[in-house]
């Protein structure tokens, strides 16, 4: 893969840059192209992801933002249906209903539409503040709207419920070096223009234009492939009810999130060790399991329940003997947390919103993210379960009379299983689909007015 042509977000979760921010940008009547030309030189490429940079910048654009910059309709109409519609319009597919509906979102709905995202990652708060000051000045100079959501990667790498982030990432690399765990997946699963499990990739053709910048590759007479080296970005702001989760943990096992009861809800221990391999207690240390099998270790869901969050999100070989059918739905996750930690001694709400900013990259929104979110996490009959959804991210189920069915979770037991009533633990507070262009495609966007 041409690492120098793709943005660094595809290769790194920026673990050496624990302080971060998501900048929500609305071009409105401002000069969006002028803003882009000004920030373009600072965008981090995949070629530099192993080098030291105090601040890294990645850019992504909504369909509205690409239109505002002048991307030709030839490319706009070639985008997949899910991206053209937008996340809010796909709410029924995703299970974003009731309190999770776009009506209640802080961003991403029709009333709070955005044009672009700037993802900033910094080594420390001082470096981030300096860059944010520059961004605010640029926003004012070019007349674009800017709202900042501060995020971070905690020192213990755990989200607010106390579980390790970023475990079970796909084994993906564009340079032959193994990263992640499990079977190697082709680059086209996450980057447009390369071979995928489906042997095809979306092509976004645009007219040739006059430019002094490096342009996307030529694919036909006076045509360029704008999509080559790009990726689709899923953004979801998920508010976490930490007090409700801790209360549930005590109810299940009279202990903190490291107790067996609540670990079965997640499907792994707080340090990331899978219950399928370590069912009795959390190991003090463990080696990453490259490619463990549910069929071999836990075919009946006695260790890791069928409805556990991680088993729904990545069923591995739970469906059939060939786990490659599941590989076609993997996601590259780049999530961060927001909001302050809630002290363990705290027994009441402190008034701060906290949660997870879920970020995931894929080459096919429908086949990858929407299958995981809409079918696996929200499937009420997943692996033989009944009237049950994901314990963390599942939607509200509604009965025949329009009543909301109480959330519940099945704990396998022999000879009898147990069904546990669950509180709402996570609420969707915002979301959108964006496109992360290659460096060459960003240059094309900056010069769109010269198309011929």
Protein backbone atom coordinates (compact mmCIF):
# COMPACT_ATOMS: atom_id res chain seq x y z
CA UNK A 1 0.00 0.00 0.00
CA UNK A 2 1.14 3.55 -0.73
CA UNK A 3 1.37 4.69 2.87
CA UNK A 4 2.50 8.18 1.91
CA UNK A 5 -0.83 8.75 0.14
CA UNK A 6 -3.20 7.80 2.99
CA UNK A 7 -3.98 9.59 6.23
CA UNK A 8 -2.31 8.29 9.40
CA UNK A 9 -5.63 7.37 11.03
CA UNK A 10 -5.67 4.20 8.94
CA UNK A 11 -2.40 2.96 10.41
CA UNK A 12 -2.36 4.18 13.97
CA UNK A 13 -4.64 4.68 16.96
CA UNK A 14 -2.14 7.36 18.10
CA UNK A 15 -1.36 5.69 21.43
CA UNK A 16 1.63 8.01 21.83
CA UNK A 17 -0.79 10.92 21.52
CA UNK A 18 -3.17 10.42 24.48
CA UNK A 19 -4.69 13.93 24.42
CA UNK A 20 -7.09 14.52 21.56
CA UNK A 21 -10.03 16.46 20.19
CA UNK A 22 -12.76 16.04 17.61
CA UNK A 23 -13.43 19.32 15.82
CA UNK A 24 -16.93 19.54 14.35
CA UNK A 25 -16.89 21.88 11.36
CA UNK A 26 -19.74 23.53 9.47
CA UNK A 27 -18.84 25.45 6.32
CA UNK A 28 -22.17 27.28 6.06
CA UNK A 29 -21.61 30.43 4.00
CA UNK A 30 -17.90 30.48 4.85
CA UNK A 31 -14.92 29.74 2.63
CA UNK A 32 -14.58 26.00 3.14
CA UNK A 33 -12.06 25.55 0.34
CA UNK A 34 -9.90 28.37 1.71
CA UNK A 35 -9.99 26.72 5.14
CA UNK A 36 -8.98 23.37 3.63
CA UNK A 37 -6.06 24.88 1.69
CA UNK A 38 -4.77 26.41 4.89
CA UNK A 39 -4.90 23.23 7.00
CA UNK A 40 -3.93 20.75 4.26
CA UNK A 41 -0.12 20.93 4.81
CA UNK A 42 -0.57 19.84 8.44
CA UNK A 43 -2.47 16.62 7.67
CA UNK A 44 -0.52 13.55 8.83
CA UNK A 45 0.21 10.82 6.31
CA UNK A 46 0.52 7.09 6.84
CA UNK A 47 4.20 7.33 5.94
CA UNK A 48 4.87 9.33 9.10
CA UNK A 49 2.83 7.35 11.60
CA UNK A 50 5.94 5.82 13.22
CA UNK A 51 7.74 9.14 13.37
CA UNK A 52 7.44 11.58 16.25
CA UNK A 53 5.00 14.43 15.75
CA UNK A 54 3.73 16.47 18.72
CA UNK A 55 0.34 16.86 17.01
CA UNK A 56 -1.28 14.77 14.30
CA UNK A 57 -4.18 15.90 12.17
CA UNK A 58 -6.65 13.86 10.14
CA UNK A 59 -9.58 15.21 8.09
CA UNK A 60 -12.90 13.66 7.10
CA UNK A 61 -15.92 15.07 5.25
CA UNK A 62 -19.65 14.43 5.17
CA UNK A 63 -21.49 14.30 1.87
CA UNK A 64 -22.69 17.85 2.47
CA UNK A 65 -19.14 19.01 3.08
CA UNK A 66 -17.88 17.40 -0.14
CA UNK A 67 -20.67 19.12 -2.06
CA UNK A 68 -19.86 22.45 -0.45
CA UNK A 69 -16.24 22.09 -1.55
CA UNK A 70 -17.38 21.54 -5.13
CA UNK A 71 -16.75 17.81 -5.58
CA UNK A 72 -18.34 17.00 -8.98
CA UNK A 73 -21.68 15.19 -9.00
CA UNK A 74 -20.02 12.42 -10.99
CA UNK A 75 -18.34 11.33 -7.74
CA UNK A 76 -21.20 12.34 -5.42
CA UNK A 77 -23.64 9.98 -7.14
CA UNK A 78 -21.09 7.15 -7.11
CA UNK A 79 -20.86 7.09 -3.32
CA UNK A 80 -22.66 4.12 -1.70
CA UNK A 81 -26.26 4.59 -0.64
CA UNK A 82 -25.51 4.45 3.09
CA UNK A 83 -23.04 7.34 2.86
CA UNK A 84 -25.28 9.44 0.61
CA UNK A 85 -28.23 8.98 2.98
CA UNK A 86 -26.22 9.63 6.15
CA UNK A 87 -26.36 7.92 9.53
CA UNK A 88 -29.42 9.79 10.77
CA UNK A 89 -31.47 8.61 7.78
CA UNK A 90 -30.40 5.02 8.52
CA UNK A 91 -31.68 5.16 12.11
CA UNK A 92 -34.22 2.36 11.67
CA UNK A 93 -31.55 0.05 10.22
CA UNK A 94 -29.13 0.89 13.03
CA UNK A 95 -31.68 0.72 15.83
CA UNK A 96 -31.37 4.42 16.69
CA UNK A 97 -34.92 4.76 17.99
CA UNK A 98 -36.57 6.07 21.13
CA UNK A 99 -34.06 7.93 23.30
CA UNK A 100 -31.33 7.06 20.78
CA UNK A 101 -33.16 8.67 17.85
CA UNK A 102 -31.42 11.46 15.85
CA UNK A 103 -34.02 13.89 17.21
CA UNK A 104 -32.05 13.88 20.47
CA UNK A 105 -28.55 13.99 19.01
CA UNK A 106 -26.05 16.74 19.74
CA UNK A 107 -24.64 16.51 16.19
CA UNK A 108 -25.25 14.59 12.98
CA UNK A 109 -29.01 15.04 12.71
CA UNK A 110 -30.63 17.16 10.02
CA UNK A 111 -30.90 20.09 12.41
CA UNK A 112 -27.23 19.71 13.44
CA UNK A 113 -25.60 18.67 10.17
CA UNK A 114 -21.85 19.01 9.77
CA UNK A 115 -19.47 19.53 6.83
CA UNK A 116 -16.18 18.14 8.09
CA UNK A 117 -14.30 16.65 11.00
CA UNK A 118 -10.78 17.45 12.12
CA UNK A 119 -9.29 14.80 14.40
CA UNK A 120 -6.41 16.14 16.47
CA UNK A 121 -4.05 13.91 18.48
CA UNK A 122 -1.38 15.43 20.73
CA UNK A 123 1.38 14.26 23.05
CA UNK A 124 0.23 16.63 25.79
CA UNK A 125 -2.42 19.20 26.65
CA UNK A 126 -0.17 22.14 25.85
CA UNK A 127 0.46 21.00 22.28
CA UNK A 128 -3.25 20.37 21.78
CA UNK A 129 -4.25 23.78 23.16
CA UNK A 130 -1.80 25.50 20.80
CA UNK A 131 -3.24 23.72 17.78
CA UNK A 132 -6.84 24.34 18.88
CA UNK A 133 -6.09 28.05 19.22
CA UNK A 134 -4.85 28.02 15.62
CA UNK A 135 -7.98 26.16 14.50
CA UNK A 136 -10.27 28.65 16.18
CA UNK A 137 -8.43 31.53 14.52
CA UNK A 138 -8.71 29.82 11.12
CA UNK A 139 -12.41 29.16 11.64
CA UNK A 140 -13.01 32.83 12.36
CA UNK A 141 -10.83 33.92 9.43
CA UNK A 142 -12.65 31.75 6.88
CA UNK A 143 -16.13 32.09 8.39
CA UNK A 144 -16.69 28.42 9.22
CA UNK A 145 -18.37 27.08 12.33
CA UNK A 146 -16.27 25.15 14.84
CA UNK A 147 -17.21 23.12 17.91
CA UNK A 148 -14.67 21.11 19.88
CA UNK A 149 -15.22 17.82 21.71
CA UNK A 150 -12.23 17.04 23.92
CA UNK A 151 -11.32 13.36 24.12
CA UNK A 152 -8.45 11.30 25.51
CA UNK A 153 -6.90 7.87 25.84
CA UNK A 154 -6.65 7.05 29.57
CA UNK A 155 -3.35 5.84 30.99
CA UNK A 156 -4.92 2.46 31.77
CA UNK A 157 -6.48 2.32 28.26
CA UNK A 158 -9.91 1.61 29.82
CA UNK A 159 -13.25 3.22 29.05
CA UNK A 160 -15.56 4.47 31.82
CA UNK A 161 -17.02 1.05 32.63
CA UNK A 162 -13.49 -0.14 33.36
CA UNK A 163 -12.78 -2.35 30.33
CA UNK A 164 -9.70 -2.14 28.10
CA UNK A 165 -10.14 -0.32 24.78
CA UNK A 166 -8.92 -1.52 21.41
CA UNK A 167 -8.72 -5.27 22.00
CA UNK A 168 -9.45 -7.72 19.19
CA UNK A 169 -8.49 -5.39 16.36
CA UNK A 170 -8.29 -6.84 12.84
CA UNK A 171 -4.88 -7.93 11.61
CA UNK A 172 -4.49 -5.31 8.92
CA UNK A 173 -1.37 -3.78 7.42
CA UNK A 174 -0.50 -2.18 4.15
CA UNK A 175 3.24 -2.82 4.36
CA UNK A 176 3.53 -6.53 5.12
CA UNK A 177 4.13 -6.07 8.86
CA UNK A 178 1.55 -7.84 11.06
CA UNK A 179 -0.59 -5.56 13.23
CA UNK A 180 -3.57 -6.70 15.26
CA UNK A 181 -4.41 -10.34 15.83
CA UNK A 182 -6.04 -13.17 13.95
CA UNK A 183 -6.05 -13.83 10.22
CA UNK A 184 -4.53 -11.19 7.98
CA UNK A 185 -7.26 -9.25 6.21
CA UNK A 186 -6.78 -7.66 2.78
CA UNK A 187 -6.24 -3.91 2.68
CA UNK A 188 -9.41 -3.43 0.65
CA UNK A 189 -11.52 -4.21 3.73
CA UNK A 190 -10.60 -0.76 5.04
CA UNK A 191 -9.10 1.21 2.14
CA UNK A 192 -10.78 1.87 -1.22
CA UNK A 193 -8.98 0.79 -4.35
CA UNK A 194 -7.43 -2.38 -2.97
CA UNK A 195 -8.50 -6.02 -3.01
CA UNK A 196 -11.09 -6.98 -0.38
CA UNK A 197 -12.87 -10.17 0.61
CA UNK A 198 -15.45 -9.28 -2.03
CA UNK A 199 -12.81 -8.61 -4.72
CA UNK A 200 -14.21 -5.20 -5.57
CA UNK A 201 -14.10 -1.66 -4.28
CA UNK A 202 -16.08 1.51 -4.78
CA UNK A 203 -14.61 3.72 -7.51
CA UNK A 204 -15.31 7.44 -7.29
CA UNK A 205 -14.39 8.98 -10.62
CA UNK A 206 -13.88 12.73 -10.99
CA UNK A 207 -12.90 14.92 -13.94
CA UNK A 208 -9.29 15.86 -14.47
CA UNK A 209 -8.40 19.34 -13.23
CA UNK A 210 -5.54 21.83 -13.43
CA UNK A 211 -3.44 21.67 -10.29
CA UNK A 212 0.15 21.95 -9.11
CA UNK A 213 -0.58 19.34 -6.41
CA UNK A 214 -0.19 15.57 -6.79
CA UNK A 215 -3.57 14.26 -8.01
CA UNK A 216 -5.35 10.91 -7.60
CA UNK A 217 -4.45 8.20 -10.08
CA UNK A 218 -5.77 8.31 -13.64
CA UNK A 219 -8.39 5.63 -14.40
CA UNK A 220 -9.67 6.72 -17.80
CA UNK A 221 -9.66 9.47 -20.35
CA UNK A 222 -9.65 12.70 -18.36
CA UNK A 223 -10.86 10.80 -15.26
CA UNK A 224 -9.27 10.36 -11.81
CA UNK A 225 -10.18 7.95 -8.97
CA UNK A 226 -11.01 10.28 -6.09
CA UNK A 227 -11.74 7.37 -3.74
CA UNK A 228 -8.44 5.50 -4.09
CA UNK A 229 -6.67 5.37 -0.72
CA UNK A 230 -9.71 6.70 1.14
CA UNK A 231 -11.91 5.14 3.80
CA UNK A 232 -15.33 5.62 5.38
CA UNK A 233 -15.43 6.79 8.99
CA UNK A 234 -18.19 5.95 11.46
CA UNK A 235 -18.58 8.39 14.35
CA UNK A 236 -20.91 7.73 17.27
CA UNK A 237 -20.99 9.61 20.56
CA UNK A 238 -22.09 7.14 23.24
CA UNK A 239 -22.96 8.46 26.70
CA UNK A 240 -22.25 5.92 29.46
CA UNK A 241 -24.24 5.65 32.69
CA UNK A 242 -21.42 4.62 35.01
CA UNK A 243 -23.49 4.56 38.19
CA UNK A 244 -26.06 2.25 36.60
CA UNK A 245 -23.30 -0.05 35.39
CA UNK A 246 -21.68 -0.25 38.83
CA UNK A 247 -25.03 -0.92 40.45
CA UNK A 248 -25.60 -3.75 37.97
CA UNK A 249 -22.14 -5.16 38.72
CA UNK A 250 -22.94 -5.27 42.43
CA UNK A 251 -26.31 -6.89 41.76
CA UNK A 252 -24.76 -9.59 39.61
CA UNK A 253 -21.77 -10.46 41.75
CA UNK A 254 -21.32 -8.03 44.64
CA UNK A 255 -18.13 -6.73 43.10
CA UNK A 256 -16.50 -4.23 40.76
CA UNK A 257 -16.34 -4.73 36.96
CA UNK A 258 -13.74 -7.45 37.45
CA UNK A 259 -16.34 -9.82 38.92
CA UNK A 260 -17.45 -12.82 36.84
CA UNK A 261 -21.08 -11.69 36.58
CA UNK A 262 -20.56 -8.42 34.79
CA UNK A 263 -17.65 -9.82 32.77
CA UNK A 264 -20.10 -12.32 31.25
CA UNK A 265 -22.20 -9.38 30.12
CA UNK A 266 -19.22 -8.01 28.19
CA UNK A 267 -17.70 -11.34 27.18
CA UNK A 268 -14.20 -10.57 28.40
CA UNK A 269 -12.37 -9.44 31.50
CA UNK A 270 -11.41 -5.79 32.09
CA UNK A 271 -7.83 -6.42 30.89
CA UNK A 272 -9.15 -7.86 27.62
CA UNK A 273 -8.74 -11.57 28.34
CA UNK A 274 -11.61 -13.48 26.67
CA UNK A 275 -13.99 -15.44 28.87
CA UNK A 276 -14.00 -18.25 26.33
CA UNK A 277 -10.36 -18.95 27.26
CA UNK A 278 -10.39 -17.77 30.91
CA UNK A 279 -13.86 -18.53 32.30
CA UNK A 280 -13.15 -18.71 36.04
CA UNK A 281 -11.07 -15.64 36.89
CA UNK A 282 -9.24 -12.76 35.25
CA UNK A 283 -5.60 -13.74 34.62
CA UNK A 284 -2.96 -11.38 35.96
CA UNK A 285 -1.35 -11.44 32.53
CA UNK A 286 -2.17 -13.15 29.29
CA UNK A 287 -0.89 -13.48 25.77
CA UNK A 288 -3.06 -12.25 22.93
CA UNK A 289 -4.90 -15.16 21.36
CA UNK A 290 -4.24 -14.83 17.66
CA UNK A 291 -7.29 -16.66 16.46
CA UNK A 292 -9.25 -18.41 19.19
CA UNK A 293 -12.35 -20.36 18.26
CA UNK A 294 -15.73 -20.19 19.99
CA UNK A 295 -16.62 -23.53 18.43
CA UNK A 296 -13.56 -25.16 19.97
CA UNK A 297 -13.59 -23.43 23.37
CA UNK A 298 -17.21 -22.55 24.02
CA UNK A 299 -19.70 -23.92 21.48
CA UNK A 300 -22.65 -23.81 23.93
CA UNK A 301 -22.03 -20.34 25.33
CA UNK A 302 -21.36 -21.66 28.83
CA UNK A 303 -18.24 -19.52 29.25
CA UNK A 304 -19.02 -16.50 27.08
CA UNK A 305 -22.81 -16.13 26.70
CA UNK A 306 -24.15 -15.92 23.15
CA UNK A 307 -25.54 -12.46 23.90
CA UNK A 308 -22.35 -11.01 25.40
CA UNK A 309 -21.24 -7.77 23.80
CA UNK A 310 -17.95 -8.97 22.29
CA UNK A 311 -19.49 -12.18 20.95
CA UNK A 312 -22.19 -10.20 19.18
CA UNK A 313 -19.71 -7.64 17.84
CA UNK A 314 -17.35 -10.37 16.54
CA UNK A 315 -19.00 -13.81 16.48
CA UNK A 316 -15.86 -15.39 14.96
CA UNK A 317 -16.89 -18.94 14.06
CA UNK A 318 -20.14 -18.98 16.07
CA UNK A 319 -22.25 -19.05 12.88
CA UNK A 320 -20.53 -21.74 10.85
CA UNK A 321 -17.25 -23.57 10.45
CA UNK A 322 -15.71 -20.89 8.21
CA UNK A 323 -14.88 -17.72 10.20
CA UNK A 324 -14.03 -15.86 6.98
CA UNK A 325 -17.74 -15.13 6.62
CA UNK A 326 -17.38 -12.93 9.71
CA UNK A 327 -14.10 -11.38 8.56
CA UNK A 328 -16.03 -9.54 5.84
CA UNK A 329 -17.68 -7.42 8.57
CA UNK A 330 -14.66 -6.35 10.64
CA UNK A 331 -13.96 -2.71 11.57
CA UNK A 332 -10.80 -0.76 12.40
CA UNK A 333 -11.65 0.97 15.68
CA UNK A 334 -10.06 4.24 16.79
CA UNK A 335 -12.26 5.09 19.78
CA UNK A 336 -11.52 7.60 22.53
CA UNK A 337 -13.27 8.50 25.78
CA UNK A 338 -14.67 11.86 26.80
CA UNK A 339 -15.64 13.33 30.14
CA UNK A 340 -13.86 12.93 33.52
CA UNK A 341 -13.58 9.62 35.32
CA UNK A 342 -16.13 9.02 38.08
CA UNK A 343 -14.46 8.18 41.38
CA UNK A 344 -15.18 4.70 42.74
CA UNK A 345 -16.25 6.25 46.05
CA UNK A 346 -18.87 8.41 44.34
CA UNK A 347 -22.43 7.22 44.99
CA UNK A 348 -24.29 10.01 43.18
CA UNK A 349 -24.14 11.75 39.82
CA UNK A 350 -21.50 14.48 39.57
CA UNK A 351 -23.27 16.34 36.75
CA UNK A 352 -20.67 15.57 34.06
CA UNK A 353 -21.51 13.78 30.83
CA UNK A 354 -19.03 11.00 30.05
CA UNK A 355 -18.77 8.26 27.53
CA UNK A 356 -17.10 6.84 24.47
CA UNK A 357 -16.48 8.53 21.14
CA UNK A 358 -16.71 5.48 18.89
CA UNK A 359 -14.64 5.83 15.70
CA UNK A 360 -14.39 3.04 13.14
CA UNK A 361 -12.99 2.78 9.62
CA UNK A 362 -14.26 0.53 6.82
CA UNK A 363 -14.49 0.32 3.05
CA UNK A 364 -18.19 -0.63 3.01
CA UNK A 365 -20.52 0.98 5.56
CA UNK A 366 -23.43 -1.32 4.84
CA UNK A 367 -21.57 -4.64 4.74
CA UNK A 368 -19.36 -3.84 7.73
CA UNK A 369 -20.71 -1.36 10.28
CA UNK A 370 -24.41 -1.64 9.53
CA UNK A 371 -24.30 -5.43 9.68
CA UNK A 372 -22.59 -5.37 13.07
CA UNK A 373 -24.78 -2.63 14.55
CA UNK A 374 -28.08 -3.37 12.85
CA UNK A 375 -28.09 -7.17 12.67
CA UNK A 376 -25.69 -8.56 15.27
CA UNK A 377 -25.97 -6.06 18.13
CA UNK A 378 -29.69 -5.49 17.59
CA UNK A 379 -30.71 -8.97 16.43
CA UNK A 380 -33.33 -10.14 18.96
CA UNK A 381 -32.86 -13.77 17.79
CA UNK A 382 -29.07 -13.73 17.53
CA UNK A 383 -27.65 -17.29 17.88
CA UNK A 384 -31.00 -18.61 19.04
CA UNK A 385 -31.73 -15.93 21.66
CA UNK A 386 -35.21 -14.50 21.94
CA UNK A 387 -36.38 -10.91 22.52
CA UNK A 388 -32.89 -9.86 23.52
CA UNK A 389 -30.39 -7.33 22.13
CA UNK A 390 -26.83 -6.32 22.96
CA UNK A 391 -26.59 -5.48 26.68
CA UNK A 392 -24.62 -2.28 26.00
CA UNK A 393 -25.56 -0.95 22.57
CA UNK A 394 -28.85 -2.69 21.82
CA UNK A 395 -31.97 -0.76 20.84
CA UNK A 396 -35.25 -0.51 22.73
CA UNK A 397 -37.50 -3.44 21.80
CA UNK A 398 -41.16 -2.55 21.38
CA UNK A 399 -44.04 -4.98 21.96
CA UNK A 400 -47.18 -5.48 19.88
CA UNK A 401 -49.05 -2.83 21.90
CA UNK A 402 -46.26 -0.27 21.47
CA UNK A 403 -44.84 -0.79 24.95
CA UNK A 404 -41.08 -0.84 25.52
CA UNK A 405 -39.95 -4.34 26.52
CA UNK A 406 -37.65 -4.47 29.52
CA UNK A 407 -34.02 -5.03 28.59
CA UNK A 408 -32.73 -8.42 29.62
CA UNK A 409 -29.76 -10.70 29.30
CA UNK A 410 -29.53 -14.48 29.37
CA UNK A 411 -26.91 -16.03 31.64
CA UNK A 412 -26.49 -19.67 30.64
CA UNK A 413 -26.92 -22.14 33.45
CA UNK A 414 -27.37 -25.85 33.63
CA UNK A 415 -29.89 -27.30 34.00
CA UNK A 416 -31.66 -23.90 33.99
CA UNK A 417 -30.57 -20.56 32.56
CA UNK A 418 -31.13 -17.18 34.23
CA UNK A 419 -32.55 -14.02 32.64
CA UNK A 420 -31.40 -10.73 34.14
CA UNK A 421 -33.23 -7.42 33.76
CA UNK A 422 -30.90 -4.65 32.60
CA UNK A 423 -30.97 -0.86 32.96
CA UNK A 424 -30.14 1.36 29.99
CA UNK A 425 -26.37 1.68 30.17
CA UNK A 426 -25.50 3.60 26.99
CA UNK A 427 -27.29 6.33 25.05
CA UNK A 428 -26.47 7.56 21.55
CA UNK A 429 -25.80 11.33 21.68
CA UNK A 430 -24.60 11.94 18.14
CA UNK A 431 -23.39 10.25 15.01
CA UNK A 432 -22.50 10.57 11.34
CA UNK A 433 -20.80 8.96 8.35
CA UNK A 434 -17.77 10.72 6.90
CA UNK A 435 -15.22 10.05 4.18
CA UNK A 436 -11.48 10.14 4.92
CA UNK A 437 -9.82 11.08 1.60
CA UNK A 438 -6.26 10.21 0.63
CA UNK A 439 -3.68 13.01 0.67
CA UNK A 440 -3.97 13.30 -3.11
CA UNK A 441 -7.76 13.45 -2.92
CA UNK A 442 -7.50 16.22 -0.32
CA UNK A 443 -5.39 18.17 -2.81
CA UNK A 444 -8.09 17.61 -5.44
CA UNK A 445 -10.74 18.98 -3.05
CA UNK A 446 -8.62 22.06 -2.38
CA UNK A 447 -8.56 22.81 -6.12
CA UNK A 448 -12.04 21.64 -7.14
CA UNK A 449 -12.86 25.02 -8.66
CA UNK A 450 -10.40 24.33 -11.49
CA UNK A 451 -12.18 21.20 -12.78
CA UNK A 452 -12.34 20.95 -16.57
